[in-house]
Protein backbone atom coordinates (compact mmCIF):
# COMPACT_ATOMS: atom_id res chain seq x y z
CA MET A 1 131.35 25.54 32.13
CA SER A 2 127.93 24.09 31.32
CA HIS A 3 126.00 22.50 34.15
CA GLU A 4 124.15 19.20 33.82
CA ILE A 5 123.55 15.96 35.64
CA GLY A 6 125.52 13.59 33.43
CA LEU A 7 125.63 9.84 32.98
CA THR A 8 128.12 9.41 35.82
CA ASP A 9 126.36 11.80 38.20
CA SER A 10 124.13 10.96 41.15
CA LEU A 11 121.68 12.64 43.49
CA PHE A 12 119.59 12.09 46.62
CA VAL A 13 116.80 14.22 48.03
CA VAL A 14 114.97 14.10 51.37
CA GLY A 15 111.19 13.69 51.19
CA GLU A 16 109.50 14.95 48.05
CA PRO A 17 111.72 15.57 45.01
CA ALA A 18 113.29 19.02 45.33
CA TRP A 19 114.61 21.39 42.69
CA HIS A 20 111.95 20.75 40.04
CA GLY A 21 111.61 17.02 40.64
CA LEU A 22 115.28 16.06 40.37
CA GLY A 23 116.57 13.31 42.60
CA VAL A 24 115.74 10.15 44.50
CA ASN A 25 113.69 10.27 47.71
CA VAL A 26 115.10 9.18 51.07
CA LYS A 27 113.18 8.90 54.35
CA GLU A 28 115.22 11.17 56.57
CA ALA A 29 118.14 13.58 56.64
CA LEU A 30 121.61 12.05 57.01
CA THR A 31 125.06 12.89 58.31
CA SER A 32 127.47 14.10 55.66
CA MET A 33 129.27 10.76 55.55
CA GLU A 34 126.03 8.80 55.18
CA ALA A 35 124.85 11.32 52.60
CA LEU A 36 127.99 10.84 50.55
CA HIS A 37 127.35 7.10 50.45
CA VAL A 38 123.63 7.31 49.64
CA ALA A 39 124.27 9.93 46.96
CA GLY A 40 126.97 7.79 45.36
CA LEU A 41 129.68 10.33 46.15
CA ASP A 42 131.94 8.03 48.14
CA TRP A 43 134.55 7.93 45.41
CA THR A 44 137.97 9.53 45.37
CA VAL A 45 139.86 11.67 42.91
CA ASP A 46 143.42 10.57 42.21
CA ALA A 47 146.26 12.35 40.44
CA HIS A 48 147.65 10.63 37.33
CA PRO A 49 150.57 11.67 35.12
CA VAL A 50 149.74 13.25 31.77
CA PHE A 51 151.29 11.86 28.59
CA VAL A 52 151.40 13.20 25.03
CA ASP A 53 152.76 10.88 22.32
CA GLY A 54 154.17 8.66 25.02
CA ASN A 55 156.02 11.46 26.77
CA GLU A 56 155.08 12.56 30.27
CA ILE A 57 154.27 16.26 30.60
CA GLU A 58 156.10 17.42 33.68
CA GLY A 59 154.38 19.82 36.05
CA PHE A 60 150.85 18.66 35.19
CA LYS A 61 148.52 15.90 36.32
CA ALA A 62 145.09 14.53 35.47
CA ASN A 63 142.48 14.40 38.22
CA VAL A 64 140.65 11.09 37.70
CA ALA A 65 137.50 9.78 39.42
CA SER A 66 138.23 6.40 40.98
CA ASN A 67 134.85 4.83 40.24
CA THR A 68 134.46 5.77 36.57
CA GLY A 69 137.92 6.70 35.33
CA THR A 70 136.57 10.07 34.18
CA VAL A 71 139.18 12.80 33.79
CA LEU A 72 137.76 15.70 35.78
CA GLY A 73 140.49 18.22 35.05
CA ILE A 74 144.11 18.79 34.07
CA THR A 75 145.94 20.83 36.70
CA SER A 76 149.45 21.75 37.73
CA ASP A 77 151.16 19.43 40.17
CA ARG A 78 150.84 22.21 42.78
CA TYR A 79 147.08 21.69 42.84
CA LYS A 80 145.89 19.92 45.99
CA ILE A 81 143.00 17.54 45.52
CA VAL A 82 140.36 17.87 48.23
CA ASN A 83 138.32 14.68 48.07
CA ASN A 84 134.62 14.47 48.87
CA VAL A 85 135.12 13.03 52.34
CA GLU A 86 137.68 15.72 53.17
CA ALA A 87 135.56 18.52 51.73
CA PHE A 88 132.37 17.61 53.54
CA ASP A 89 133.36 15.94 56.81
CA TRP A 90 133.72 19.29 58.61
CA ILE A 91 130.03 19.98 57.91
CA ASP A 92 129.17 17.42 60.59
CA ASN A 93 130.60 19.86 63.12
CA LEU A 94 127.97 22.37 62.05
CA LEU A 95 125.29 19.69 62.45
CA GLU A 96 126.65 18.74 65.84
CA ASN A 97 126.42 22.32 67.10
CA GLU A 98 123.06 23.12 65.52
CA LYS A 99 121.10 19.86 65.65
CA ASP A 100 117.75 21.60 65.89
CA GLU A 101 118.41 23.98 63.01
CA VAL A 102 120.34 22.14 60.29
CA LYS A 103 119.57 18.87 58.51
CA PHE A 104 120.94 17.51 55.26
CA ASP A 105 118.43 17.64 52.46
CA SER A 106 120.10 16.57 49.23
CA ALA A 107 123.42 15.86 47.56
CA GLY A 108 124.78 14.93 44.16
CA SER A 109 127.18 15.73 41.37
CA LEU A 110 127.03 17.83 38.21
CA CYS A 111 128.94 18.03 34.95
CA ASN A 112 129.85 14.33 34.94
CA GLN A 113 131.38 14.41 38.44
CA LYS A 114 133.35 17.63 37.94
CA LYS A 115 131.33 19.30 40.69
CA VAL A 116 129.81 17.79 43.84
CA TRP A 117 127.37 19.44 46.22
CA MET A 118 125.28 19.07 49.36
CA LEU A 119 122.27 21.00 50.54
CA ALA A 120 121.50 21.48 54.25
CA LYS A 121 118.17 22.85 55.47
CA LEU A 122 118.14 25.64 58.03
CA SER A 123 115.16 26.72 60.09
CA ASP A 124 112.28 28.41 58.25
CA ARG A 125 111.65 32.15 58.54
CA MET A 126 108.82 34.57 57.88
CA LEU A 127 109.50 37.27 55.29
CA LEU A 128 106.84 39.95 54.80
CA GLY A 129 104.17 37.46 55.79
CA ASP A 130 105.53 34.65 53.61
CA LEU A 131 107.08 31.43 54.89
CA ILE A 132 110.62 31.05 53.55
CA GLN A 133 112.70 27.86 53.54
CA ASN A 134 116.39 28.53 53.96
CA TYR A 135 119.23 26.30 52.79
CA LEU A 136 122.99 26.17 52.99
CA PHE A 137 124.71 24.60 50.01
CA PHE A 138 128.25 23.25 49.85
CA SER A 139 130.04 22.57 46.58
CA ASN A 140 133.47 21.38 45.55
CA GLY A 141 135.13 20.74 42.19
CA PHE A 142 138.13 19.04 40.65
CA ASP A 143 138.90 21.03 37.50
CA GLY A 144 141.41 23.33 39.19
CA LYS A 145 139.01 26.28 39.07
CA SER A 146 136.35 25.36 41.63
CA ALA A 147 137.00 26.11 45.29
CA ILE A 148 134.98 24.72 48.16
CA THR A 149 132.02 27.09 48.08
CA VAL A 150 129.36 27.68 50.71
CA GLY A 151 126.24 29.69 50.05
CA VAL A 152 122.66 30.44 51.01
CA THR A 153 119.58 29.97 48.90
CA ASN A 154 116.00 30.74 49.96
CA VAL A 155 112.70 29.36 48.69
CA ARG A 156 109.32 31.08 49.05
CA ILE A 157 107.05 28.20 50.12
CA CYS A 158 103.74 29.35 48.64
CA CYS A 159 105.03 29.28 45.08
CA ALA A 160 108.39 27.43 45.26
CA ASN A 161 110.23 30.52 44.01
CA THR A 162 113.94 30.85 44.67
CA LEU A 163 115.11 34.19 46.12
CA GLN A 164 118.60 35.60 45.62
CA LEU A 165 119.49 39.13 46.59
CA ALA A 166 123.06 40.41 46.68
CA HIS A 167 123.92 42.48 49.74
CA SER A 168 127.05 44.60 50.11
CA THR A 169 127.69 43.68 53.74
CA ALA A 170 126.33 40.11 53.81
CA PRO A 171 127.44 37.94 50.88
CA ARG A 172 125.22 35.11 49.66
CA THR A 173 128.18 32.88 48.79
CA TRP A 174 131.74 32.57 50.05
CA THR A 175 134.65 30.16 49.65
CA THR A 176 136.53 28.23 52.27
CA LYS A 177 139.65 26.09 52.43
CA HIS A 178 139.67 22.55 53.71
CA MET A 179 140.76 22.69 57.32
CA GLY A 180 142.91 19.83 58.59
CA ASP A 181 142.46 19.90 62.36
CA MET A 182 139.24 19.57 64.33
CA ASP A 183 139.44 22.95 66.10
CA ALA A 184 139.84 24.75 62.77
CA LYS A 185 136.94 22.82 61.28
CA LYS A 186 134.67 23.69 64.20
CA HIS A 187 135.61 27.35 63.87
CA GLU A 188 134.90 27.29 60.14
CA ALA A 189 131.57 25.53 60.66
CA ALA A 190 130.50 28.12 63.23
CA ARG A 191 131.49 30.93 60.86
CA THR A 192 129.54 29.28 58.05
CA LEU A 193 126.30 29.35 60.03
CA GLU A 194 127.05 32.86 61.26
CA LEU A 195 127.42 34.10 57.67
CA ALA A 196 124.23 32.34 56.66
CA VAL A 197 122.26 34.02 59.44
CA SER A 198 123.77 37.40 58.52
CA TYR A 199 122.67 36.96 54.91
CA MET A 200 119.12 36.00 55.90
CA ASP A 201 118.91 39.04 58.18
CA ALA A 202 120.09 41.21 55.27
CA LEU A 203 117.49 39.62 52.97
CA ASN A 204 114.77 40.55 55.43
CA GLU A 205 116.10 44.11 55.66
CA THR A 206 116.13 44.49 51.88
CA ALA A 207 112.63 43.04 51.52
CA GLU A 208 111.24 45.53 54.03
CA GLN A 209 112.96 48.41 52.24
CA TRP A 210 111.75 47.30 48.82
CA GLN A 211 108.19 46.96 50.09
CA GLN A 212 108.34 50.71 50.80
CA ARG A 213 109.74 51.59 47.35
CA VAL A 214 107.03 52.66 44.93
CA MET A 215 107.01 50.91 41.56
CA SER A 216 105.00 53.20 39.29
CA LYS A 217 103.54 51.94 36.01
CA GLU A 218 106.16 53.95 34.13
CA ALA A 219 108.95 52.45 36.25
CA PHE A 220 107.58 48.93 35.73
CA ASP A 221 107.40 49.46 31.95
CA THR A 222 111.00 50.66 31.97
CA LEU A 223 112.02 47.68 34.10
CA THR A 224 110.34 45.27 31.67
CA GLU A 225 112.18 46.83 28.73
CA MET A 226 115.50 46.60 30.58
CA LEU A 227 115.00 42.96 31.52
CA PHE A 228 113.81 41.82 28.08
CA PRO A 229 115.34 44.11 25.41
CA MET A 230 114.27 43.75 21.80
CA ASP A 231 114.89 45.32 18.42
CA GLU A 232 111.93 47.59 17.72
CA ASP A 233 113.04 47.93 14.08
CA ASP A 234 113.00 44.18 13.44
CA MET A 235 109.83 42.72 14.94
CA GLU A 236 110.29 39.48 12.99
CA ALA A 237 113.67 38.65 14.53
CA ILE A 238 113.69 35.49 16.66
CA GLN A 239 115.24 37.34 19.60
CA THR A 240 112.53 40.01 19.41
CA ARG A 241 109.72 37.45 19.34
CA ARG A 242 111.21 35.70 22.35
CA ALA A 243 111.52 38.99 24.21
CA LEU A 244 107.87 39.77 23.49
CA GLY A 245 106.83 36.42 24.93
CA PHE A 246 108.96 36.89 28.03
CA ARG A 247 107.61 40.40 28.55
CA SER A 248 104.05 39.12 28.33
CA ASN A 249 104.71 36.38 30.89
CA PHE A 250 106.45 38.76 33.29
CA ILE A 251 103.68 41.40 33.03
CA ASP A 252 100.95 38.78 33.57
CA LEU A 253 102.67 37.48 36.69
CA TYR A 254 103.01 40.97 38.13
CA ASN A 255 99.43 42.00 37.33
CA GLU A 256 97.51 38.78 37.90
CA LYS A 257 99.26 36.20 40.09
CA PRO A 258 97.27 36.15 43.37
CA ASP A 259 100.19 35.80 45.81
CA ILE A 260 101.97 38.79 44.24
CA GLN A 261 99.03 41.20 44.34
CA LYS A 262 99.64 42.18 47.97
CA PHE A 263 103.05 43.51 46.85
CA LYS A 264 101.96 45.07 43.55
CA GLY A 265 103.07 48.67 43.11
CA THR A 266 106.29 48.10 45.03
CA ALA A 267 109.84 47.11 44.18
CA TRP A 268 109.32 43.89 46.13
CA GLY A 269 106.28 43.02 44.03
CA ALA A 270 108.32 43.38 40.84
CA TYR A 271 111.04 41.20 42.34
CA MET A 272 108.45 38.56 43.34
CA ALA A 273 107.20 38.49 39.75
CA LEU A 274 110.75 38.09 38.49
CA THR A 275 111.51 35.21 40.89
CA ASP A 276 108.34 33.49 39.69
CA PHE A 277 109.35 34.05 36.08
CA VAL A 278 112.85 32.65 36.63
CA SER A 279 111.64 29.71 38.73
CA HIS A 280 108.77 28.51 36.55
CA VAL A 281 108.51 30.08 33.08
CA LYS A 282 110.05 27.72 30.54
CA PRO A 283 112.60 29.10 28.05
CA ALA A 284 111.71 29.66 24.40
CA ARG A 285 113.89 26.70 23.44
CA MET A 286 113.66 23.70 25.73
CA THR A 287 116.70 21.46 26.14
CA SER A 288 117.14 18.06 27.76
CA THR A 289 119.16 19.68 30.55
CA TYR A 290 116.77 22.57 31.26
CA LYS A 291 115.91 21.52 34.82
CA GLU A 292 119.52 20.75 35.69
CA ASN A 293 120.73 24.06 34.30
CA LEU A 294 118.05 25.91 36.26
CA TRP A 295 119.05 24.17 39.48
CA ALA A 296 122.73 24.94 38.89
CA SER A 297 121.95 28.60 38.24
CA PHE A 298 120.31 28.85 41.66
CA MET A 299 123.45 27.44 43.26
CA ASP A 300 125.91 29.57 41.30
CA GLY A 301 123.79 32.72 41.15
CA ASN A 302 121.03 33.27 38.61
CA LYS A 303 122.05 35.97 36.14
CA VAL A 304 118.50 37.15 35.43
CA LEU A 305 117.82 37.70 39.14
CA ALA A 306 121.12 39.54 39.52
CA GLN A 307 120.36 41.79 36.56
CA GLY A 308 116.84 42.29 37.82
CA GLN A 309 118.01 43.43 41.23
CA LYS A 310 120.18 46.13 39.66
CA ALA A 311 117.40 47.21 37.32
CA ILE A 312 114.80 47.41 40.11
CA GLU A 313 117.14 49.50 42.25
CA LEU A 314 117.73 51.82 39.30
CA VAL A 315 114.09 52.42 38.31
CA THR A 316 112.92 52.91 41.91
CA ALA A 317 115.84 55.04 43.13
């Protein structure tokens, strides 16, 4: 499924525009219910029968947005719609328990209302001498495929780079069911924050380990080739020319960007260069939805960062 902020989508952001300038500023963080209203997400999704040539198709229904009439998905009649208010109201329990640590930051919808999300800011942390902003995101969808998903994303303040490291014992994202009673919602909210803290602890552990891993010039060259493969026998191919450009950008970041130099020669330095590349280097072919696609990749899991993590672990093993 492609990700974009469509004509029927909406967004709000606290303070300065986040996520590459997307969104509308608000003065202060809000409760989830207020956020839904300000972000234009206070609409419902209703089940409608599906007809073909005037005949109703039994066992299926269309999930339709109440405010626009947009069909968000065709699902079986066993599918339970979890509306925005239902999906997000339990988050207030997390805010209630952690008032000094969690504040809502932004919210909106993607893919012409097929996916809705909220971002909550956790307390900042130091990571190898860098200040890191930590966020919890919450997303829900109506196409029959998207569960309620909770995850962590981290931003390195000095350069606005997004960090994402998979960890075997502390997942970055997880799914949760809508809980009907208050006690269950409070338990789920507490577990959500607990998982977020576990992931951030694991991120710190990995960073410290990678700072100790030597990244030799030969290993870095191999890493660059793995990240940006090209056809050596066809130097005129478009894909090869793009790969050459990407390699040049990545190498320059690693060798010259001032905030990365203190980590140069380590696995963490290579990862810092890659996060900078993913966060800021524009693709060879710009599209009208470039910024939106980049934001969505940070929420869902950026493929280049995931591939880079595996490659870095391999060349520095």
